[in-house]
PDB file of N, CA and C in Angstrom:
ATOM      1  N   MET A   1     -73.322 -45.848 -53.499  1.00  0.00           N
ATOM      2  CA  MET A   1     -73.543 -47.094 -52.785  1.00  0.00           C
ATOM      3  C   MET A   1     -72.258 -47.492 -52.074  1.00  0.00           C
ATOM      4  N   ALA A   2     -72.387 -47.879 -50.829  1.00  0.00           N
ATOM      5  CA  ALA A   2     -71.237 -48.250 -50.008  1.00  0.00           C
ATOM      6  C   ALA A   2     -70.829 -49.697 -50.267  1.00  0.00           C
ATOM      7  N   MET A   3     -69.630 -50.018 -49.857  1.00  0.00           N
ATOM      8  CA  MET A   3     -69.102 -51.368 -50.022  1.00  0.00           C
ATOM      9  C   MET A   3     -69.191 -52.106 -48.688  1.00  0.00           C
ATOM     10  N   LYS A   4     -69.772 -53.291 -48.704  1.00  0.00           N
ATOM     11  CA  LYS A   4     -69.970 -54.060 -47.476  1.00  0.00           C
ATOM     12  C   LYS A   4     -68.686 -54.769 -47.062  1.00  0.00           C
ATOM     13  N   GLU A   5     -68.618 -55.035 -45.771  1.00  0.00           N
ATOM     14  CA  GLU A   5     -67.451 -55.689 -45.185  1.00  0.00           C
ATOM     15  C   GLU A   5     -67.103 -56.995 -45.901  1.00  0.00           C
ATOM     16  N   ASP A   6     -68.095 -57.836 -46.132  1.00  0.00           N
ATOM     17  CA  ASP A   6     -67.806 -59.141 -46.743  1.00  0.00           C
ATOM     18  C   ASP A   6     -67.269 -59.000 -48.163  1.00  0.00           C
ATOM     19  N   GLU A   7     -67.671 -57.959 -48.867  1.00  0.00           N
ATOM     20  CA  GLU A   7     -67.151 -57.719 -50.219  1.00  0.00           C
ATOM     21  C   GLU A   7     -65.676 -57.323 -50.171  1.00  0.00           C
ATOM     22  N   ILE A   8     -65.341 -56.454 -49.238  1.00  0.00           N
ATOM     23  CA  ILE A   8     -63.952 -56.004 -49.079  1.00  0.00           C
ATOM     24  C   ILE A   8     -63.065 -57.187 -48.704  1.00  0.00           C
ATOM     25  N   VAL A   9     -63.503 -57.953 -47.714  1.00  0.00           N
ATOM     26  CA  VAL A   9     -62.734 -59.108 -47.249  1.00  0.00           C
ATOM     27  C   VAL A   9     -62.544 -60.110 -48.388  1.00  0.00           C
ATOM     28  N   ALA A  10     -63.590 -60.393 -49.131  1.00  0.00           N
ATOM     29  CA  ALA A  10     -63.509 -61.363 -50.222  1.00  0.00           C
ATOM     30  C   ALA A  10     -62.500 -60.924 -51.281  1.00  0.00           C
ATOM     31  N   MET A  11     -62.487 -59.650 -51.626  1.00  0.00           N
ATOM     32  CA  MET A  11     -61.554 -59.159 -52.638  1.00  0.00           C
ATOM     33  C   MET A  11     -60.105 -59.271 -52.157  1.00  0.00           C
ATOM     34  N   ILE A  12     -59.884 -58.936 -50.902  1.00  0.00           N
ATOM     35  CA  ILE A  12     -58.527 -59.033 -50.357  1.00  0.00           C
ATOM     36  C   ILE A  12     -58.094 -60.497 -50.296  1.00  0.00           C
ATOM     37  N   LYS A  13     -59.012 -61.382 -49.899  1.00  0.00           N
ATOM     38  CA  LYS A  13     -58.695 -62.812 -49.790  1.00  0.00           C
ATOM     39  C   LYS A  13     -58.342 -63.436 -51.142  1.00  0.00           C
ATOM     40  N   VAL A  14     -58.930 -62.946 -52.229  1.00  0.00           N
ATOM     41  CA  VAL A  14     -58.587 -63.465 -53.559  1.00  0.00           C
ATOM     42  C   VAL A  14     -57.108 -63.195 -53.843  1.00  0.00           C
ATOM     43  N   ALA A  15     -56.648 -61.993 -53.521  1.00  0.00           N
ATOM     44  CA  ALA A  15     -55.264 -61.619 -53.798  1.00  0.00           C
ATOM     45  C   ALA A  15     -54.285 -62.139 -52.742  1.00  0.00           C
ATOM     46  N   LEU A  16     -54.763 -62.223 -51.505  1.00  0.00           N
ATOM     47  CA  LEU A  16     -53.914 -62.643 -50.384  1.00  0.00           C
ATOM     48  C   LEU A  16     -54.645 -63.736 -49.599  1.00  0.00           C
ATOM     49  N   PRO A  17     -54.647 -64.962 -50.122  1.00  0.00           N
ATOM     50  CA  PRO A  17     -55.460 -66.035 -49.525  1.00  0.00           C
ATOM     51  C   PRO A  17     -55.156 -66.342 -48.064  1.00  0.00           C
ATOM     52  N   ASP A  18     -53.924 -66.086 -47.626  1.00  0.00           N
ATOM     53  CA  ASP A  18     -53.564 -66.388 -46.240  1.00  0.00           C
ATOM     54  C   ASP A  18     -53.905 -65.249 -45.279  1.00  0.00           C
ATOM     55  N   ALA A  19     -54.431 -64.154 -45.805  1.00  0.00           N
ATOM     56  CA  ALA A  19     -54.646 -62.952 -44.995  1.00  0.00           C
ATOM     57  C   ALA A  19     -55.645 -63.175 -43.862  1.00  0.00           C
ATOM     58  N   ILE A  20     -55.285 -62.601 -42.732  1.00  0.00           N
ATOM     59  CA  ILE A  20     -56.212 -62.468 -41.609  1.00  0.00           C
ATOM     60  C   ILE A  20     -56.637 -61.006 -41.641  1.00  0.00           C
ATOM     61  N   ILE A  21     -57.933 -60.772 -41.728  1.00  0.00           N
ATOM     62  CA  ILE A  21     -58.443 -59.419 -41.939  1.00  0.00           C
ATOM     63  C   ILE A  21     -59.404 -59.052 -40.817  1.00  0.00           C
ATOM     64  N   GLU A  22     -59.088 -57.962 -40.140  1.00  0.00           N
ATOM     65  CA  GLU A  22     -59.965 -57.432 -39.097  1.00  0.00           C
ATOM     66  C   GLU A  22     -60.558 -56.127 -39.624  1.00  0.00           C
ATOM     67  N   MET A  23     -61.875 -56.079 -39.716  1.00  0.00           N
ATOM     68  CA  MET A  23     -62.550 -54.903 -40.259  1.00  0.00           C
ATOM     69  C   MET A  23     -63.301 -54.170 -39.150  1.00  0.00           C
ATOM     70  N   THR A  24     -63.254 -52.835 -39.204  1.00  0.00           N
ATOM     71  CA  THR A  24     -64.011 -51.995 -38.287  1.00  0.00           C
ATOM     72  C   THR A  24     -64.738 -50.931 -39.098  1.00  0.00           C
ATOM     73  N   ASP A  25     -66.045 -50.845 -38.923  1.00  0.00           N
ATOM     74  CA  ASP A  25     -66.837 -49.806 -39.587  1.00  0.00           C
ATOM     75  C   ASP A  25     -66.732 -48.558 -38.715  1.00  0.00           C
ATOM     76  N   LEU A  26     -65.956 -47.585 -39.150  1.00  0.00           N
ATOM     77  CA  LEU A  26     -65.638 -46.424 -38.323  1.00  0.00           C
ATOM     78  C   LEU A  26     -66.807 -45.474 -38.104  1.00  0.00           C
ATOM     79  N   ALA A  27     -67.752 -45.430 -39.032  1.00  0.00           N
ATOM     80  CA  ALA A  27     -68.856 -44.472 -38.925  1.00  0.00           C
ATOM     81  C   ALA A  27     -70.224 -45.149 -38.893  1.00  0.00           C
ATOM     82  N   GLY A  28     -70.258 -46.474 -38.961  1.00  0.00           N
ATOM     83  CA  GLY A  28     -71.529 -47.182 -38.949  1.00  0.00           C
ATOM     84  C   GLY A  28     -72.309 -47.041 -40.247  1.00  0.00           C
ATOM     85  N   ASP A  29     -71.609 -46.699 -41.344  1.00  0.00           N
ATOM     86  CA  ASP A  29     -72.306 -46.433 -42.599  1.00  0.00           C
ATOM     87  C   ASP A  29     -71.834 -47.316 -43.766  1.00  0.00           C
ATOM     88  N   ASN A  30     -71.003 -48.322 -43.479  1.00  0.00           N
ATOM     89  CA  ASN A  30     -70.433 -49.177 -44.529  1.00  0.00           C
ATOM     90  C   ASN A  30     -69.670 -48.370 -45.574  1.00  0.00           C
ATOM     91  N   ASP A  31     -69.175 -47.209 -45.208  1.00  0.00           N
ATOM     92  CA  ASP A  31     -68.496 -46.338 -46.158  1.00  0.00           C
ATOM     93  C   ASP A  31     -67.138 -45.854 -45.651  1.00  0.00           C
ATOM     94  N   HIS A  32     -66.901 -45.983 -44.358  1.00  0.00           N
ATOM     95  CA  HIS A  32     -65.650 -45.544 -43.735  1.00  0.00           C
ATOM     96  C   HIS A  32     -65.114 -46.708 -42.911  1.00  0.00           C
ATOM     97  N   TRP A  33     -64.118 -47.391 -43.454  1.00  0.00           N
ATOM     98  CA  TRP A  33     -63.624 -48.626 -42.860  1.00  0.00           C
ATOM     99  C   TRP A  33     -62.195 -48.495 -42.365  1.00  0.00           C
ATOM    100  N   LYS A  34     -61.883 -49.337 -41.380  1.00  0.00           N
ATOM    101  CA  LYS A  34     -60.498 -49.584 -40.993  1.00  0.00           C
ATOM    102  C   LYS A  34     -60.269 -51.071 -41.212  1.00  0.00           C
ATOM    103  N   ALA A  35     -59.166 -51.413 -41.870  1.00  0.00           N
ATOM    104  CA  ALA A  35     -58.806 -52.807 -42.082  1.00  0.00           C
ATOM    105  C   ALA A  35     -57.404 -53.048 -41.551  1.00  0.00           C
ATOM    106  N   VAL A  36     -57.267 -54.101 -40.759  1.00  0.00           N
ATOM    107  CA  VAL A  36     -55.955 -54.575 -40.337  1.00  0.00           C
ATOM    108  C   VAL A  36     -55.751 -55.889 -41.081  1.00  0.00           C
ATOM    109  N   VAL A  37     -54.757 -55.913 -41.959  1.00  0.00           N
ATOM    110  CA  VAL A  37     -54.523 -57.076 -42.819  1.00  0.00           C
ATOM    111  C   VAL A  37     -53.155 -57.670 -42.460  1.00  0.00           C
ATOM    112  N   THR A  38     -53.177 -58.947 -42.074  1.00  0.00           N
ATOM    113  CA  THR A  38     -51.950 -59.664 -41.738  1.00  0.00           C
ATOM    114  C   THR A  38     -51.734 -60.751 -42.781  1.00  0.00           C
ATOM    115  N   SER A  39     -50.536 -60.742 -43.395  1.00  0.00           N
ATOM    116  CA  SER A  39     -50.255 -61.728 -44.438  1.00  0.00           C
ATOM    117  C   SER A  39     -48.755 -61.977 -44.542  1.00  0.00           C
ATOM    118  N   ALA A  40     -48.393 -63.234 -44.779  1.00  0.00           N
ATOM    119  CA  ALA A  40     -46.993 -63.589 -45.017  1.00  0.00           C
ATOM    120  C   ALA A  40     -46.494 -62.967 -46.318  1.00  0.00           C
ATOM    121  N   ALA A  41     -47.388 -62.628 -47.229  1.00  0.00           N
ATOM    122  CA  ALA A  41     -47.002 -62.013 -48.499  1.00  0.00           C
ATOM    123  C   ALA A  41     -46.343 -60.647 -48.296  1.00  0.00           C
ATOM    124  N   PHE A  42     -46.527 -60.056 -47.129  1.00  0.00           N
ATOM    125  CA  PHE A  42     -45.949 -58.748 -46.837  1.00  0.00           C
ATOM    126  C   PHE A  42     -44.499 -58.824 -46.370  1.00  0.00           C
ATOM    127  N   VAL A  43     -44.021 -60.001 -46.025  1.00  0.00           N
ATOM    128  CA  VAL A  43     -42.662 -60.158 -45.498  1.00  0.00           C
ATOM    129  C   VAL A  43     -41.646 -59.622 -46.507  1.00  0.00           C
ATOM    130  N   GLY A  44     -40.756 -58.755 -46.011  1.00  0.00           N
ATOM    131  CA  GLY A  44     -39.701 -58.198 -46.850  1.00  0.00           C
ATOM    132  C   GLY A  44     -40.115 -57.038 -47.723  1.00  0.00           C
ATOM    133  N   LYS A  45     -41.379 -56.651 -47.663  1.00  0.00           N
ATOM    134  CA  LYS A  45     -41.875 -55.538 -48.487  1.00  0.00           C
ATOM    135  C   LYS A  45     -42.030 -54.286 -47.622  1.00  0.00           C
ATOM    136  N   SER A  46     -41.832 -53.139 -48.248  1.00  0.00           N
ATOM    137  CA  SER A  46     -42.016 -51.877 -47.528  1.00  0.00           C
ATOM    138  C   SER A  46     -43.495 -51.697 -47.189  1.00  0.00           C
ATOM    139  N   ARG A  47     -43.772 -50.818 -46.257  1.00  0.00           N
ATOM    140  CA  ARG A  47     -45.155 -50.531 -45.882  1.00  0.00           C
ATOM    141  C   ARG A  47     -45.935 -50.020 -47.084  1.00  0.00           C
ATOM    142  N   VAL A  48     -45.297 -49.191 -47.901  1.00  0.00           N
ATOM    143  CA  VAL A  48     -45.952 -48.668 -49.104  1.00  0.00           C
ATOM    144  C   VAL A  48     -46.314 -49.814 -50.042  1.00  0.00           C
ATOM    145  N   ALA A  49     -45.382 -50.732 -50.261  1.00  0.00           N
ATOM    146  CA  ALA A  49     -45.642 -51.873 -51.147  1.00  0.00           C
ATOM    147  C   ALA A  49     -46.767 -52.754 -50.582  1.00  0.00           C
ATOM    148  N   GLN A  50     -46.792 -52.929 -49.277  1.00  0.00           N
ATOM    149  CA  GLN A  50     -47.852 -53.721 -48.642  1.00  0.00           C
ATOM    150  C   GLN A  50     -49.217 -53.084 -48.896  1.00  0.00           C
ATOM    151  N   HIS A  51     -49.300 -51.785 -48.712  1.00  0.00           N
ATOM    152  CA  HIS A  51     -50.565 -51.075 -48.921  1.00  0.00           C
ATOM    153  C   HIS A  51     -50.965 -51.133 -50.394  1.00  0.00           C
ATOM    154  N   GLN A  52     -49.990 -51.017 -51.281  1.00  0.00           N
ATOM    155  CA  GLN A  52     -50.290 -51.104 -52.710  1.00  0.00           C
ATOM    156  C   GLN A  52     -50.868 -52.472 -53.067  1.00  0.00           C
ATOM    157  N   MET A  53     -50.392 -53.520 -52.413  1.00  0.00           N
ATOM    158  CA  MET A  53     -50.921 -54.862 -52.658  1.00  0.00           C
ATOM    159  C   MET A  53     -52.396 -54.943 -52.270  1.00  0.00           C
ATOM    160  N   VAL A  54     -52.742 -54.333 -51.142  1.00  0.00           N
ATOM    161  CA  VAL A  54     -54.143 -54.354 -50.696  1.00  0.00           C
ATOM    162  C   VAL A  54     -54.998 -53.505 -51.632  1.00  0.00           C
ATOM    163  N   TYR A  55     -54.524 -52.314 -51.988  1.00  0.00           N
ATOM    164  CA  TYR A  55     -55.282 -51.456 -52.904  1.00  0.00           C
ATOM    165  C   TYR A  55     -55.482 -52.134 -54.261  1.00  0.00           C
ATOM    166  N   ALA A  56     -54.466 -52.839 -54.746  1.00  0.00           N
ATOM    167  CA  ALA A  56     -54.590 -53.567 -56.011  1.00  0.00           C
ATOM    168  C   ALA A  56     -55.666 -54.638 -55.900  1.00  0.00           C
ATOM    169  N   ALA A  57     -55.755 -55.279 -54.742  1.00  0.00           N
ATOM    170  CA  ALA A  57     -56.774 -56.315 -54.520  1.00  0.00           C
ATOM    171  C   ALA A  57     -58.184 -55.734 -54.606  1.00  0.00           C
ATOM    172  N   LEU A  58     -58.319 -54.461 -54.298  1.00  0.00           N
ATOM    173  CA  LEU A  58     -59.638 -53.814 -54.303  1.00  0.00           C
ATOM    174  C   LEU A  58     -60.062 -53.366 -55.704  1.00  0.00           C
ATOM    175  N   LYS A  59     -59.215 -53.594 -56.684  1.00  0.00           N
ATOM    176  CA  LYS A  59     -59.517 -53.420 -58.108  1.00  0.00           C
ATOM    177  C   LYS A  59     -60.198 -52.093 -58.459  1.00  0.00           C
ATOM    178  N   GLY A  60     -59.613 -51.006 -58.000  1.00  0.00           N
ATOM    179  CA  GLY A  60     -60.120 -49.693 -58.387  1.00  0.00           C
ATOM    180  C   GLY A  60     -61.325 -49.200 -57.609  1.00  0.00           C
ATOM    181  N   ASN A  61     -61.792 -49.960 -56.643  1.00  0.00           N
ATOM    182  CA  ASN A  61     -62.949 -49.517 -55.859  1.00  0.00           C
ATOM    183  C   ASN A  61     -62.592 -48.461 -54.815  1.00  0.00           C
ATOM    184  N   MET A  62     -61.311 -48.382 -54.447  1.00  0.00           N
ATOM    185  CA  MET A  62     -60.884 -47.397 -53.462  1.00  0.00           C
ATOM    186  C   MET A  62     -61.097 -45.994 -54.003  1.00  0.00           C
ATOM    187  N   GLY A  63     -61.756 -45.161 -53.211  1.00  0.00           N
ATOM    188  CA  GLY A  63     -62.026 -43.794 -53.629  1.00  0.00           C
ATOM    189  C   GLY A  63     -63.298 -43.649 -54.443  1.00  0.00           C
ATOM    190  N   GLY A  64     -63.903 -44.769 -54.789  1.00  0.00           N
ATOM    191  CA  GLY A  64     -65.164 -44.750 -55.526  1.00  0.00           C
ATOM    192  C   GLY A  64     -66.239 -45.377 -54.665  1.00  0.00           C
ATOM    193  N   VAL A  65     -66.528 -46.648 -54.940  1.00  0.00           N
ATOM    194  CA  VAL A  65     -67.527 -47.379 -54.149  1.00  0.00           C
ATOM    195  C   VAL A  65     -67.079 -47.465 -52.698  1.00  0.00           C
ATOM    196  N   LEU A  66     -65.789 -47.654 -52.507  1.00  0.00           N
ATOM    197  CA  LEU A  66     -65.213 -47.675 -51.160  1.00  0.00           C
ATOM    198  C   LEU A  66     -64.645 -46.296 -50.896  1.00  0.00           C
ATOM    199  N   HIS A  67     -65.377 -45.511 -50.133  1.00  0.00           N
ATOM    200  CA  HIS A  67     -65.039 -44.106 -49.943  1.00  0.00           C
ATOM    201  C   HIS A  67     -63.759 -43.911 -49.132  1.00  0.00           C
ATOM    202  N   ALA A  68     -63.640 -44.622 -48.000  1.00  0.00           N
ATOM    203  CA  ALA A  68     -62.493 -44.401 -47.119  1.00  0.00           C
ATOM    204  C   ALA A  68     -62.069 -45.706 -46.470  1.00  0.00           C
ATOM    205  N   LEU A  69     -60.756 -45.941 -46.468  1.00  0.00           N
ATOM    206  CA  LEU A  69     -60.214 -47.129 -45.843  1.00  0.00           C
ATOM    207  C   LEU A  69     -58.937 -46.761 -45.106  1.00  0.00           C
ATOM    208  N   ALA A  70     -58.988 -46.826 -43.776  1.00  0.00           N
ATOM    209  CA  ALA A  70     -57.774 -46.685 -42.966  1.00  0.00           C
ATOM    210  C   ALA A  70     -57.147 -48.079 -42.952  1.00  0.00           C
ATOM    211  N   LEU A  71     -55.907 -48.163 -43.407  1.00  0.00           N
ATOM    212  CA  LEU A  71     -55.286 -49.467 -43.614  1.00  0.00           C
ATOM    213  C   LEU A  71     -54.062 -49.632 -42.733  1.00  0.00           C
ATOM    214  N   GLU A  72     -53.994 -50.787 -42.085  1.00  0.00           N
ATOM    215  CA  GLU A  72     -52.821 -51.191 -41.326  1.00  0.00           C
ATOM    216  C   GLU A  72     -52.442 -52.579 -41.818  1.00  0.00           C
ATOM    217  N   THR A  73     -51.171 -52.750 -42.178  1.00  0.00           N
ATOM    218  CA  THR A  73     -50.709 -54.063 -42.632  1.00  0.00           C
ATOM    219  C   THR A  73     -49.693 -54.603 -41.642  1.00  0.00           C
ATOM    220  N   ARG A  74     -49.690 -55.921 -41.507  1.00  0.00           N
ATOM    221  CA  ARG A  74     -48.786 -56.587 -40.571  1.00  0.00           C
ATOM    222  C   ARG A  74     -48.282 -57.883 -41.188  1.00  0.00           C
ATOM    223  N   THR A  75     -47.149 -58.347 -40.681  1.00  0.00           N
ATOM    224  CA  THR A  75     -46.663 -59.681 -41.038  1.00  0.00           C
ATOM    225  C   THR A  75     -46.908 -60.602 -39.856  1.00  0.00           C
ATOM    226  N   PRO A  76     -47.118 -61.887 -40.137  1.00  0.00           N
ATOM    227  CA  PRO A  76     -47.395 -62.836 -39.035  1.00  0.00           C
ATOM    228  C   PRO A  76     -46.166 -63.042 -38.160  1.00  0.00           C
TER     229      PRO A  76
END
């Protein structure tokens, strides 16, 4: 079962309430997503640390229910 856009956004928003999240369904199947996440919480953190914050927000769904996520993080 694929993970819907609103579920992904909601999980990220719990961990990063100020996040602006742009989602793109890359294959039209709710299974291959691109997310651009902008948050002040990323300021001063490495790109790896920023991505780890987003993956942590997804609570283990990455690679399981959420098959693929191309991730881009930004600071405001």
